[in-house]
Structures are given as structure tokens and as C-alpha cells.
Amino acid sequence: MNLQSPSSLLLLAPLAGAIILLYLLKMKRRDVAVPATFLWPARTEEVRANSLFQKLHLSWLLALQLAALSLLVLAFARPQSLQTGLIGETTVLVIDSSASMQATDVKPSRFAEAKRIALEAIRSAQPTDRVALIEAGPSPRVIFPLSSDPLKQETALESVQPTDAEVDVGPALRLAGALVGSIEGARIVLISDGDFEPVSDFSPGQAAVVYKPIGESGDNLAISALGVAETLSGRQLYCGVKSHSSKPFNGTLTLYGDGKLLDSRTFQIAPHGSFGADIPASSQTKVFEAKLDCPDYLKSDNYAACVTDSGASLRVLLISRGDLFLERALTLDPRVTLDRANTLPSDIGDRYDIVIFDGVAERPVKSRGVLTLGVAGPPSPVTIRGNSKSPKFLDSEDVKALHGVDLKNLFMDSVQIAVPTARGRVIANSTAGPLIVQSDSPSQRQLYVGFAPLESDFPLQVAFPIFISNALDYLAGATGTSLFSVKAGVPFGVIGTSTATLTSPAGTRTLIPSNGGSLVVRDAKTVGVYKLDVDGKQKTVYATLNSERASKIAPVDKVLLGKSTVAAIKRQDRFADFWRPLVVLCLLILAAEWWLYARRS
């Protein structure tokens, strides 16, 4: 047993002495004349005293009062008993739901074992303990806040599902620190295999951090690469397999093109070795898939997909002084890999599919598409004659770049007065002249807009994300955007004005509401092929893992959290207070003492 405040025991001696002293007081009687004595019971002991002194006699009242005092003083000393369990008086459980937690070296899976540990912790909590649960998934999520309701907590725990995503547990831990960091003696319990990047910028405050490890083995193979390349002998499909195991493995690698079998190879791979395969690939094939069949512990990285449609993957360079609306519209597009710069890099070469000049004068580049917003330059398909203040939109043509884009109520603070060149085609007009001009040449497509988005209310309108998506389609020369390849668990956006339906590889359907002309899809959390129905059109989404970190499933004994290294614990002990039962017992003894006193009086 442990006492949090042992100095409180020093109160026992003076308080007990005071009680005993009262029993030494002598009764001072007053003579009273009565007609008879048989009506009065004989008294052999005193129950009241009001003068000094008398000999101390054995009394049950004294014994009960001293017992009650002893219990009360012991309660003030805050006694604690040693117990086994993760839960303290205030605890936040953080469950890792990353892809590596789906490994099956612990049956049925690491994630299922983590949920079982969390369930046992909830059931072992004392009635006054407060517990919260946070899921460390693609986005941190509070499953239930601090509470003392185990039935609701167990129901909420059942809703937590594993993912095939690469997860950063840092945001979840910082959220836990915000909940209990100011509470002395609180706990943050991380239930994980430790297969995540070191967490920076984290402080638990006054809370203690406990790391409960999950996992036993690191035996795993993963598809590490899948893609196409143009070689001297033609287009080639290549696929790589990497071993993260300390023992040799046998497996079968199968390759598909647009759903049709292309090749299947059986291989043997050495410990921590690699295996590669390459085959000729048709230029007409849009989707290549690879499937790995082997007796490893993680299946999420045994599938990969590569979409080769011209508009399915776009490398975009944004040259801007800062426009968060434009950046958001670009980053939500699953096709886009975005780089940002204030000025045009001197070594840009032909690394980018599309270059966007936002409020910066356009300069010559070798990309296949250029979008100019607000400031024309020498390569632009217009010649500038000045500026116009607050012009009005007049009309537009029904072209791909403006499909579904309504500019009728557009406010523009300032617009360049432009004259199209011989290669420029005006597709939208304002009272100041040409507003949007496009140019389509064999070597490069250009799209010029006479105003910068931040000099208008365009970013606040539903038409803005639709226009950006259409512009990317046009500039990339894509025939459509019906095929996407995304990383599992990473949110992506699509254009849509109505509620969409996402069908998972397992056949479950999720409704995704439209917000401002676009939809953000957050539910593609497992590897496989999804169907997305939006505005009457069906899009196919290929979700893959493709993560070196997630494929290394060997459990970690120590994790770096903030400035501290936290070691894994196998058994967690806690000191549990039991002063409350002592106070209750003290009250019961005092009730018995009062009954005995009243009966004798």
C-alpha cells in the first residue's frame, strides 16, 4: 500500500488524545428530591461528564469514536493500492489505425488486438475514472470524450475500423495532450506497433505517456514500384517487389492491363532482398494492376495500380504571390502533384505538365499546358492595351474549359484590356473586351484569364473549382477524368454539384455531399477499386498503399514522441485510491456510535 499524504497520520495522536481527555472528565451531580427510586434505572457508568477528573473506564462509545477517527485520518492520508491496468483516474486512449496495424502476426490482427486491449481497459476502469478514446487515422478522430460511461464507450469503440493508410500519429497525440495535458496525473496511452514517423512538436504537459506495443513479427513482402517507361525497345511495364523479412519467401506476381491478364511469375526472394519484372506494355492500356500472392503478414501492400491516362497524373507548378483558394482547388484534385514558387525557376526544363502564372507575368516554358491569371506576358495569346475597372461579364462559348461554369454574377475589380493574337480564340467576353482566351497548338495549350482570382469574387463562387478542374483537363489534353489513382486514406476532391455515391471494394456505399461545387472524398481508406457516381457519371478510383514505412511492420520497442523517447511496456501497474470506502466506513461507525449513545441515554 502507498500513501500520497503520509504526514496526515500525525493528526491521529492529538485528535485521539482530545477524545480520551473528554472521557476523563468527572460528572458533577446535583441532588434532586424524588418520591420514589424504583422508577429510576441503576447506572453503572457515566454517559456525560463536566468536571475533572475520573478514572478511565472501558467504553464501547470510546472504541467506536477512536475507530471512526482512525479511518478518517487514514482517508486524509490518501491510501493507494497497487493494481494492474492501463487506466488511471483520467486517461486518453490513442489507437493507431494505420495499414501496418492490419498485420496478422497477432490473431486475428494487430488492430483487433488493440481494440481488445482498449475494451479491457474500459471495463477495468473504476466508477470515478474518466476515459477518452482517439483514433490515430488519416485524420485524428475523437471516438468519445472524457466520460465515465462504460456502456456508451464500448458501443463507440465498436465503430472504429482499420485502414490501409499511412498515418501520422502526431495530430492524434497533440489532440490528446490538449485534452489532458493540464491535468496532473493524467495518462495518454498509445496502443500501436510503433511503425510511424517520429513525432515532433508534441508535449504531454502534466500527463504521463504510456506506449503499449502490438505485434510480434516483421515478415512481409510489398510491391514497391509499378509504372511504365518509354525505352528504345518501346513502352515497358515494370514492377518491383521488396522483402522486409529476415527469412526467404516464395511468391507469385501477377500483372494485369485494363483488367486482362498480362503475365504471372513465380519467384523466390532472399531476406531483405528484391525482385523485379518488366514486360512490353501497349500504349492503348490505361490501367495496369499488380497482385502479389505470398504467405506474409500484411496484405494491404500486395496490390498496386498505375493509371497511365494523360490526365490521370499531373505535375503542376504554381507561380504565385499567394492564393489559398487556388492552392486548395489544385491540391484537392487527385491527379495533381503541386509545387509552388514565387518566381519561375531557371532550371524548370520540361519537368511539369502544367505551369500556372497567378498575378505574375507569363514567361516561356516547355510544359504542355500554361494557365495565365491576371497578367499576360510575351508568350500569351493576347496583346494588352491597358486596364479596365469593374467591367461586367457579357457572354461565353460552350467549350470544354467553361463547361458548367456560370460567370453571370461575377464581380471583377480590375481586368486587363486584351486583344487576341492570331492564334488566340476568345471564349468569354466582358464589357472591357476579351475576358478568357485559349490557344491550342500542337506543342502547347494556353489559357489566359484577364483577371487574378483574388481581384474578384470568383474563388467564393461554385464555378471556381469547376473552372480549375476544366482548365486542367483542357491544358493536359485529357479526354476525361474517369480514372484516378490515389493513396488509401488521403482525401481528394472531385467536381460535383449534387450528392455522390462511393462504392467500396467490399460493396458498401457511402453518400458524399457536395459543397460549393466540389466533393471531398475521405472514405477511400482501404486498398482496392472504388466506384464514384457523381452528377450521373461514374468514375473509377484505384486506392493503393505504396508506403515504405507502412510495409516495415516489425514492432518497435521505443518511439520518439516530441523530445522524449518512450519505451514499450508489457505490464502496466497503477496505484488506485481507496479513501472513499474508508470515509463511507467511518460514517457507518459514527452512525452506530450515535445509536448506542442514544440507547444508553
Foldseek 3Di string as FASTA:
>chain_A
DDFPAVVLQVVLVVVLVVLQQQQFAAADDDDDDDPDDPVPDDDPDDLHHDHDGHDHDDDPLSVLVSLLSNLQSSLVRFAWDKDFADFDQEEEEEEEQEQLQQFCQPPPTNNVVLLVNVLVRLVPDDQNRWYWYWYQALDIDTLGATDRDSVVVNVSSVPDDHFHAQTDSQVVQQVQLVRPLVPAAYEYEYEELQLHPFHAPHDSHNYYYAYAHTDDAQWFKFWQDWDWDQDPVGIKTKTKMWTLHQAKWKKKKWKDFPRHTDDIDIDIAGHRGMDMDMDHDDPPTFKMKMAMGTPTGGRQRRIDMDGDFLLQAFEEEEADPDDVLVVVLQVQAQRYDYDYHPDDDPPPAAPGQEYEYFCHEDDDYQHQEYEYAAHYHPVDQKDFDAKDAWWAWDDFACDLLCPVADCRPKTAGMFTQIDGHPQWDQGTATPSGGAWIWGDDPRHIYIYGGHGCVRICLSVALRNSVNVVSRSCVRSVGPDHQEYEHAAQDKHKDFADAWKWKQAPVGDIDIFGDDSRMTIDRPRRGADWMWIQGPNDIHIYGYHHNDPSSSRSNRDQWHNHHPDIHGHDDIDMDIRGDSVVSSVVSVVSVVVSVVVSVVVD
